Amino acid sequence: MTAETTEKRLIAAAPSGWFARQPAGFRRRLLEQSVEMSFLDGDWLYGTEDEAGGLFGILSGSVHLTAAVADEGSALIDLAGPGKWFGQIGLLPGTQRLVTAAADGPVKALAVPRSSLTRFVADFPDAWLSFSALNLELIQDTVRTLADVLALPPSPRVAARLHALASRGAEAQGRHVRLTQSQLGDMTGLERKSVHRILQALQKRGLIRLHYAAIEVLDLRGLARAAAFGN
């Protein structure tokens, strides 16, 4: 796959995402530093407390990002699908990963090693602006999620989280969000039985369709209304 084809593929996957918003010169130089990697279901891209090694961009498939919690457990905090970039903490020397990134099914990803990132920003100092924008995107997503968990009642909280996950792709309508109801409970701070009840109600309204280990979003605007007004 040529760099031009890869660039078009990433932009098509997330036309309003971080990569698509960066200058064309930055995008080309970043892709020149990247290598394509394949992962099987359950493979780790990296683990919590690993030395931060580099940046990843997803070409196909889905990656689960989980954080350690008390009693040696873990909780799913985000999904990374096609067009999503993460792992920018690798730009900072002597840092460790804060989450575990694991493939959910087959995954193809671009990896930019930390050594390449270091040379990149040394040669092109303006690249820091683009990487800062990636950090800002992460912070904004985290703040929105935290605000939803703290402020919204259970039903609009689930609707808001599904809406956020489904809105990332180029074709949100009819998109399958790959996660179980237990995992959605992790992401919203709710028990599985509560999540199941809320999802059943959303399905009866024609907003979603439930599948095995996946949720299909049928009406993105309706889901947004359910998140905003709780009805």
C-alpha atoms as a PDB file:
ATOM      1  CA  MET A   1       0.000   0.000   0.000  1.00  0.00           C
ATOM      2  CA  THR A   2       1.424   3.385  -0.989  1.00  0.00           C
ATOM      3  CA  ALA A   3       1.668   6.293   1.445  1.00  0.00           C
ATOM      4  CA  GLU A   4      -0.911   8.185  -0.620  1.00  0.00           C
ATOM      5  CA  THR A   5      -3.353   5.274  -0.458  1.00  0.00           C
ATOM      6  CA  THR A   6      -2.800   4.909   3.275  1.00  0.00           C
ATOM      7  CA  GLU A   7      -3.370   8.631   3.822  1.00  0.00           C
ATOM      8  CA  LYS A   8      -6.656   8.527   1.903  1.00  0.00           C
ATOM      9  CA  ARG A   9      -7.747   5.431   3.797  1.00  0.00           C
ATOM     10  CA  LEU A  10      -7.113   7.023   7.199  1.00  0.00           C
ATOM     11  CA  ILE A  11      -8.912  10.234   6.250  1.00  0.00           C
ATOM     12  CA  ALA A  12     -11.882   8.309   4.849  1.00  0.00           C
ATOM     13  CA  ALA A  13     -12.128   6.293   8.075  1.00  0.00           C
ATOM     14  CA  ALA A  14     -12.225   9.402  10.276  1.00  0.00           C
ATOM     15  CA  PRO A  15     -12.802  12.510   8.133  1.00  0.00           C
ATOM     16  CA  SER A  16     -13.138  14.788  11.148  1.00  0.00           C
ATOM     17  CA  GLY A  17     -10.473  13.051  13.245  1.00  0.00           C
ATOM     18  CA  TRP A  18      -7.068  14.284  14.335  1.00  0.00           C
ATOM     19  CA  PHE A  19      -5.086  12.953  11.361  1.00  0.00           C
ATOM     20  CA  ALA A  20      -7.446  14.462   8.782  1.00  0.00           C
ATOM     21  CA  ARG A  21      -7.194  17.895  10.428  1.00  0.00           C
ATOM     22  CA  GLN A  22      -3.394  18.091  10.255  1.00  0.00           C
ATOM     23  CA  PRO A  23      -1.434  19.802   7.451  1.00  0.00           C
ATOM     24  CA  ALA A  24      -0.733  17.634   4.426  1.00  0.00           C
ATOM     25  CA  GLY A  25       3.031  17.917   4.922  1.00  0.00           C
ATOM     26  CA  PHE A  26       2.767  16.661   8.488  1.00  0.00           C
ATOM     27  CA  ARG A  27       0.605  13.724   7.418  1.00  0.00           C
ATOM     28  CA  ARG A  28       3.056  12.656   4.713  1.00  0.00           C
ATOM     29  CA  ARG A  29       6.077  12.889   7.002  1.00  0.00           C
ATOM     30  CA  LEU A  30       4.318  10.927   9.746  1.00  0.00           C
ATOM     31  CA  LEU A  31       3.437   8.126   7.333  1.00  0.00           C
ATOM     32  CA  GLU A  32       7.034   8.034   6.097  1.00  0.00           C
ATOM     33  CA  GLN A  33       8.098   7.189   9.663  1.00  0.00           C
ATOM     34  CA  SER A  34       5.486   4.465  10.154  1.00  0.00           C
ATOM     35  CA  VAL A  35       5.505   0.707   9.657  1.00  0.00           C
ATOM     36  CA  GLU A  36       2.408  -1.456   9.150  1.00  0.00           C
ATOM     37  CA  MET A  37       1.796  -4.159  11.740  1.00  0.00           C
ATOM     38  CA  SER A  38      -0.808  -6.922  12.093  1.00  0.00           C
ATOM     39  CA  PHE A  39      -2.298  -8.211  15.348  1.00  0.00           C
ATOM     40  CA  LEU A  40      -4.549 -11.176  16.105  1.00  0.00           C
ATOM     41  CA  ASP A  41      -7.484 -11.175  18.502  1.00  0.00           C
ATOM     42  CA  GLY A  42      -6.224 -10.597  22.038  1.00  0.00           C
ATOM     43  CA  ASP A  43      -2.713  -9.529  21.024  1.00  0.00           C
ATOM     44  CA  TRP A  44      -1.346  -6.621  22.994  1.00  0.00           C
ATOM     45  CA  LEU A  45      -0.094  -3.567  21.173  1.00  0.00           C
ATOM     46  CA  TYR A  46       1.309  -2.600  24.574  1.00  0.00           C
ATOM     47  CA  GLY A  47       0.532  -3.037  28.253  1.00  0.00           C
ATOM     48  CA  THR A  48       0.080  -0.879  31.324  1.00  0.00           C
ATOM     49  CA  GLU A  49       3.430   0.197  32.793  1.00  0.00           C
ATOM     50  CA  ASP A  50       5.351  -0.825  29.660  1.00  0.00           C
ATOM     51  CA  GLU A  51       7.925   1.729  28.658  1.00  0.00           C
ATOM     52  CA  ALA A  52       6.167   4.084  26.251  1.00  0.00           C
ATOM     53  CA  GLY A  53       7.462   3.198  22.827  1.00  0.00           C
ATOM     54  CA  GLY A  54       5.604   5.045  20.110  1.00  0.00           C
ATOM     55  CA  LEU A  55       2.461   6.145  18.336  1.00  0.00           C
ATOM     56  CA  PHE A  56      -0.219   3.905  16.756  1.00  0.00           C
ATOM     57  CA  GLY A  57      -2.829   4.592  14.090  1.00  0.00           C
ATOM     58  CA  ILE A  58      -5.549   2.025  13.334  1.00  0.00           C
ATOM     59  CA  LEU A  59      -6.099   1.008   9.710  1.00  0.00           C
ATOM     60  CA  SER A  60      -8.663  -1.736  10.306  1.00  0.00           C
ATOM     61  CA  GLY A  61     -10.211  -3.553  13.222  1.00  0.00           C
ATOM     62  CA  SER A  62     -10.766  -2.395  16.780  1.00  0.00           C
ATOM     63  CA  VAL A  63      -8.481  -1.975  19.791  1.00  0.00           C
ATOM     64  CA  HIS A  64      -9.689  -2.050  23.389  1.00  0.00           C
ATOM     65  CA  LEU A  65      -7.998   0.364  25.791  1.00  0.00           C
ATOM     66  CA  THR A  66      -8.246  -0.823  29.396  1.00  0.00           C
ATOM     67  CA  ALA A  67      -7.001   0.653  32.657  1.00  0.00           C
ATOM     68  CA  ALA A  68      -6.004  -1.177  35.813  1.00  0.00           C
ATOM     69  CA  VAL A  69      -8.350  -0.869  38.800  1.00  0.00           C
ATOM     70  CA  ALA A  70      -8.278  -2.076  42.375  1.00  0.00           C
ATOM     71  CA  ASP A  71      -7.726  -5.753  43.230  1.00  0.00           C
ATOM     72  CA  GLU A  72      -5.787  -6.418  40.024  1.00  0.00           C
ATOM     73  CA  GLY A  73      -8.868  -5.917  37.857  1.00  0.00           C
ATOM     74  CA  SER A  74      -9.261  -3.809  34.735  1.00  0.00           C
ATOM     75  CA  ALA A  75     -11.934  -1.685  33.113  1.00  0.00           C
ATOM     76  CA  LEU A  76     -12.522  -0.848  29.473  1.00  0.00           C
ATOM     77  CA  ILE A  77     -12.203   2.916  29.046  1.00  0.00           C
ATOM     78  CA  ASP A  78     -12.232   3.400  25.278  1.00  0.00           C
ATOM     79  CA  LEU A  79     -12.315   1.794  21.836  1.00  0.00           C
ATOM     80  CA  ALA A  80      -9.951   2.731  19.028  1.00  0.00           C
ATOM     81  CA  GLY A  81     -11.234   2.000  15.535  1.00  0.00           C
ATOM     82  CA  PRO A  82     -10.065   2.850  12.012  1.00  0.00           C
ATOM     83  CA  GLY A  83      -8.577   6.327  11.764  1.00  0.00           C
ATOM     84  CA  LYS A  84      -7.920   6.621  15.496  1.00  0.00           C
ATOM     85  CA  TRP A  85      -4.412   7.496  16.750  1.00  0.00           C
ATOM     86  CA  PHE A  86      -3.125   6.952  20.284  1.00  0.00           C
ATOM     87  CA  GLY A  87       0.061   6.346  22.263  1.00  0.00           C
ATOM     88  CA  GLN A  88       1.501   9.845  21.942  1.00  0.00           C
ATOM     89  CA  ILE A  89       2.889   9.637  25.470  1.00  0.00           C
ATOM     90  CA  GLY A  90       5.783   7.881  23.739  1.00  0.00           C
ATOM     91  CA  LEU A  91       7.023  11.312  22.686  1.00  0.00           C
ATOM     92  CA  LEU A  92       8.162  11.919  26.264  1.00  0.00           C
ATOM     93  CA  PRO A  93      11.338  10.121  27.407  1.00  0.00           C
ATOM     94  CA  GLY A  94      11.216   7.895  30.472  1.00  0.00           C
ATOM     95  CA  THR A  95       7.425   7.519  30.501  1.00  0.00           C
ATOM     96  CA  GLN A  96       5.265   4.426  31.017  1.00  0.00           C
ATOM     97  CA  ARG A  97       2.008   3.385  29.419  1.00  0.00           C
ATOM     98  CA  LEU A  98      -1.116   4.233  31.399  1.00  0.00           C
ATOM     99  CA  VAL A  99      -3.407   1.708  29.702  1.00  0.00           C
ATOM    100  CA  THR A 100      -3.295  -1.660  27.959  1.00  0.00           C
ATOM    101  CA  ALA A 101      -4.104  -1.673  24.244  1.00  0.00           C
ATOM    102  CA  ALA A 102      -5.317  -5.068  22.978  1.00  0.00           C
ATOM    103  CA  ALA A 103      -6.715  -6.145  19.613  1.00  0.00           C
ATOM    104  CA  ASP A 104     -10.401  -7.056  19.522  1.00  0.00           C
ATOM    105  CA  GLY A 105     -10.293  -9.337  16.518  1.00  0.00           C
ATOM    106  CA  PRO A 106      -7.761  -8.949  13.686  1.00  0.00           C
ATOM    107  CA  VAL A 107      -6.185  -5.493  13.573  1.00  0.00           C
ATOM    108  CA  LYS A 108      -3.924  -3.699  11.115  1.00  0.00           C
ATOM    109  CA  ALA A 109      -2.151  -0.663  12.517  1.00  0.00           C
ATOM    110  CA  LEU A 110       0.561   1.823  11.713  1.00  0.00           C
ATOM    111  CA  ALA A 111       3.287   2.080  14.323  1.00  0.00           C
ATOM    112  CA  VAL A 112       5.658   5.020  14.598  1.00  0.00           C
ATOM    113  CA  PRO A 113       8.579   4.084  16.925  1.00  0.00           C
ATOM    114  CA  ARG A 114       9.673   6.609  19.523  1.00  0.00           C
ATOM    115  CA  SER A 115      13.084   6.922  17.864  1.00  0.00           C
ATOM    116  CA  SER A 116      11.369   7.981  14.641  1.00  0.00           C
ATOM    117  CA  LEU A 117       9.109  10.397  16.512  1.00  0.00           C
ATOM    118  CA  THR A 118      12.125  11.952  18.194  1.00  0.00           C
ATOM    119  CA  ARG A 119      13.853  12.535  14.853  1.00  0.00           C
ATOM    120  CA  PHE A 120      10.603  13.807  13.366  1.00  0.00           C
ATOM    121  CA  VAL A 121      10.071  16.565  15.931  1.00  0.00           C
ATOM    122  CA  ALA A 122      13.789  17.455  15.910  1.00  0.00           C
ATOM    123  CA  ASP A 123      13.724  17.991  12.148  1.00  0.00           C
ATOM    124  CA  PHE A 124      10.279  19.624  12.061  1.00  0.00           C
ATOM    125  CA  PRO A 125       9.610  21.531  15.313  1.00  0.00           C
ATOM    126  CA  ASP A 126       6.129  22.547  14.137  1.00  0.00           C
ATOM    127  CA  ALA A 127       5.164  18.886  14.518  1.00  0.00           C
ATOM    128  CA  TRP A 128       4.731  19.602  18.233  1.00  0.00           C
ATOM    129  CA  LEU A 129       1.647  21.648  17.345  1.00  0.00           C
ATOM    130  CA  SER A 130       0.052  18.640  15.703  1.00  0.00           C
ATOM    131  CA  PHE A 131       0.949  16.283  18.542  1.00  0.00           C
ATOM    132  CA  SER A 132      -0.374  18.829  21.035  1.00  0.00           C
ATOM    133  CA  ALA A 133      -3.650  18.793  19.098  1.00  0.00           C
ATOM    134  CA  LEU A 134      -3.760  15.007  19.549  1.00  0.00           C
ATOM    135  CA  ASN A 135      -3.265  15.448  23.293  1.00  0.00           C
ATOM    136  CA  LEU A 136      -6.038  18.044  23.373  1.00  0.00           C
ATOM    137  CA  GLU A 137      -8.392  15.658  21.578  1.00  0.00           C
ATOM    138  CA  LEU A 138      -7.674  12.996  24.190  1.00  0.00           C
ATOM    139  CA  ILE A 139      -8.271  15.455  27.045  1.00  0.00           C
ATOM    140  CA  GLN A 140     -11.543  16.651  25.515  1.00  0.00           C
ATOM    141  CA  ASP A 141     -12.798  13.068  25.107  1.00  0.00           C
ATOM    142  CA  THR A 142     -11.818  12.254  28.692  1.00  0.00           C
ATOM    143  CA  VAL A 143     -13.515  15.347  30.129  1.00  0.00           C
ATOM    144  CA  ARG A 144     -16.739  14.683  28.184  1.00  0.00           C
ATOM    145  CA  THR A 145     -16.818  11.075  29.339  1.00  0.00           C
ATOM    146  CA  LEU A 146     -16.156  12.037  32.961  1.00  0.00           C
ATOM    147  CA  ALA A 147     -18.849  14.724  32.828  1.00  0.00           C
ATOM    148  CA  ASP A 148     -21.374  12.217  31.436  1.00  0.00           C
ATOM    149  CA  VAL A 149     -20.589   9.660  34.144  1.00  0.00           C
ATOM    150  CA  LEU A 150     -20.824  12.252  36.937  1.00  0.00           C
ATOM    151  CA  ALA A 151     -23.816  14.250  35.717  1.00  0.00           C
ATOM    152  CA  LEU A 152     -26.125  12.095  33.603  1.00  0.00           C
ATOM    153  CA  PRO A 153     -28.697   9.587  34.873  1.00  0.00           C
ATOM    154  CA  PRO A 154     -28.112   5.990  33.741  1.00  0.00           C
ATOM    155  CA  SER A 155     -30.233   5.919  30.555  1.00  0.00           C
ATOM    156  CA  PRO A 156     -28.901   9.102  28.899  1.00  0.00           C
ATOM    157  CA  ARG A 157     -25.401   8.160  30.097  1.00  0.00           C
ATOM    158  CA  VAL A 158     -25.509   4.916  28.101  1.00  0.00           C
ATOM    159  CA  ALA A 159     -26.996   6.724  25.095  1.00  0.00           C
ATOM    160  CA  ALA A 160     -24.301   9.409  25.277  1.00  0.00           C
ATOM    161  CA  ARG A 161     -21.484   6.864  25.402  1.00  0.00           C
ATOM    162  CA  LEU A 162     -22.868   4.897  22.461  1.00  0.00           C
ATOM    163  CA  HIS A 163     -23.341   8.104  20.494  1.00  0.00           C
ATOM    164  CA  ALA A 164     -19.744   9.149  21.134  1.00  0.00           C
ATOM    165  CA  LEU A 165     -18.378   5.768  20.031  1.00  0.00           C
ATOM    166  CA  ALA A 166     -20.548   5.529  16.922  1.00  0.00           C
ATOM    167  CA  SER A 167     -19.869   9.110  15.815  1.00  0.00           C
ATOM    168  CA  ARG A 168     -16.163   8.528  15.213  1.00  0.00           C
ATOM    169  CA  GLY A 169     -16.475   6.688  11.920  1.00  0.00           C
ATOM    170  CA  ALA A 170     -17.180   7.965   8.439  1.00  0.00           C
ATOM    171  CA  GLU A 171     -20.524   6.160   8.324  1.00  0.00           C
ATOM    172  CA  ALA A 172     -22.031   6.330  11.777  1.00  0.00           C
ATOM    173  CA  GLN A 173     -25.514   5.269  10.694  1.00  0.00           C
ATOM    174  CA  GLY A 174     -25.770   1.504  10.911  1.00  0.00           C
ATOM    175  CA  ARG A 175     -22.316   1.210  12.422  1.00  0.00           C
ATOM    176  CA  HIS A 176     -21.512  -1.736  14.660  1.00  0.00           C
ATOM    177  CA  VAL A 177     -19.835  -0.828  17.939  1.00  0.00           C
ATOM    178  CA  ARG A 178     -17.945  -3.924  19.012  1.00  0.00           C
ATOM    179  CA  LEU A 179     -18.324  -4.360  22.776  1.00  0.00           C
ATOM    180  CA  THR A 180     -20.284  -6.467  25.215  1.00  0.00           C
ATOM    181  CA  GLN A 181     -22.904  -5.160  27.587  1.00  0.00           C
ATOM    182  CA  SER A 182     -20.543  -5.808  30.502  1.00  0.00           C
ATOM    183  CA  GLN A 183     -17.871  -3.717  28.798  1.00  0.00           C
ATOM    184  CA  LEU A 184     -20.361  -0.913  28.211  1.00  0.00           C
ATOM    185  CA  GLY A 185     -21.100  -1.146  31.918  1.00  0.00           C
ATOM    186  CA  ASP A 186     -17.391  -0.617  32.611  1.00  0.00           C
ATOM    187  CA  MET A 187     -17.419   2.456  30.399  1.00  0.00           C
ATOM    188  CA  THR A 188     -20.467   3.989  32.084  1.00  0.00           C
ATOM    189  CA  GLY A 189     -20.022   2.877  35.697  1.00  0.00           C
ATOM    190  CA  LEU A 190     -23.183   0.735  35.632  1.00  0.00           C
ATOM    191  CA  GLU A 191     -23.988  -2.906  36.350  1.00  0.00           C
ATOM    192  CA  ARG A 192     -24.584  -5.170  33.373  1.00  0.00           C
ATOM    193  CA  LYS A 193     -28.256  -5.750  34.231  1.00  0.00           C
ATOM    194  CA  SER A 194     -28.878  -1.996  34.242  1.00  0.00           C
ATOM    195  CA  VAL A 195     -27.130  -1.618  30.902  1.00  0.00           C
ATOM    196  CA  HIS A 196     -29.148  -4.510  29.472  1.00  0.00           C
ATOM    197  CA  ARG A 197     -32.440  -2.891  30.525  1.00  0.00           C
ATOM    198  CA  ILE A 198     -31.455   0.462  29.010  1.00  0.00           C
ATOM    199  CA  LEU A 199     -30.289  -1.127  25.749  1.00  0.00           C
ATOM    200  CA  GLN A 200     -33.524  -3.095  25.440  1.00  0.00           C
ATOM    201  CA  ALA A 201     -35.466   0.148  25.751  1.00  0.00           C
ATOM    202  CA  LEU A 202     -33.299   1.861  23.115  1.00  0.00           C
ATOM    203  CA  GLN A 203     -33.787  -1.120  20.804  1.00  0.00           C
ATOM    204  CA  LYS A 204     -37.591  -0.972  21.204  1.00  0.00           C
ATOM    205  CA  ARG A 205     -37.442   2.661  20.086  1.00  0.00           C
ATOM    206  CA  GLY A 206     -35.566   1.662  16.944  1.00  0.00           C
ATOM    207  CA  LEU A 207     -32.397   3.540  17.876  1.00  0.00           C
ATOM    208  CA  ILE A 208     -30.125   0.495  18.071  1.00  0.00           C
ATOM    209  CA  ARG A 209     -30.093  -3.217  17.312  1.00  0.00           C
ATOM    210  CA  LEU A 210     -28.388  -5.644  19.674  1.00  0.00           C
ATOM    211  CA  HIS A 211     -26.026  -8.327  18.354  1.00  0.00           C
ATOM    212  CA  TYR A 212     -23.662 -10.769  19.977  1.00  0.00           C
ATOM    213  CA  ALA A 213     -20.824  -8.697  21.497  1.00  0.00           C
ATOM    214  CA  ALA A 214     -21.826  -5.700  19.355  1.00  0.00           C
ATOM    215  CA  ILE A 215     -24.373  -2.900  19.181  1.00  0.00           C
ATOM    216  CA  GLU A 216     -25.595  -1.558  15.844  1.00  0.00           C
ATOM    217  CA  VAL A 217     -26.547   2.122  15.833  1.00  0.00           C
ATOM    218  CA  LEU A 218     -29.575   2.681  13.597  1.00  0.00           C
ATOM    219  CA  ASP A 219     -30.523   6.277  14.437  1.00  0.00           C
ATOM    220  CA  LEU A 220     -27.587   8.457  15.482  1.00  0.00           C
ATOM    221  CA  ARG A 221     -29.680  11.632  15.856  1.00  0.00           C
ATOM    222  CA  GLY A 222     -32.269   9.813  17.912  1.00  0.00           C
ATOM    223  CA  LEU A 223     -29.518   8.469  20.117  1.00  0.00           C
ATOM    224  CA  ALA A 224     -28.215  12.022  20.582  1.00  0.00           C
ATOM    225  CA  ARG A 225     -31.690  13.153  21.651  1.00  0.00           C
ATOM    226  CA  ALA A 226     -31.902  10.277  24.106  1.00  0.00           C
ATOM    227  CA  ALA A 227     -28.546  11.337  25.545  1.00  0.00           C
ATOM    228  CA  ALA A 228     -29.502  15.003  25.789  1.00  0.00           C
ATOM    229  CA  PHE A 229     -32.997  14.675  27.169  1.00  0.00           C
ATOM    230  CA  GLY A 230     -33.098  11.191  28.637  1.00  0.00           C
ATOM    231  CA  ASN A 231     -36.265  10.260  26.792  1.00  0.00           C
END
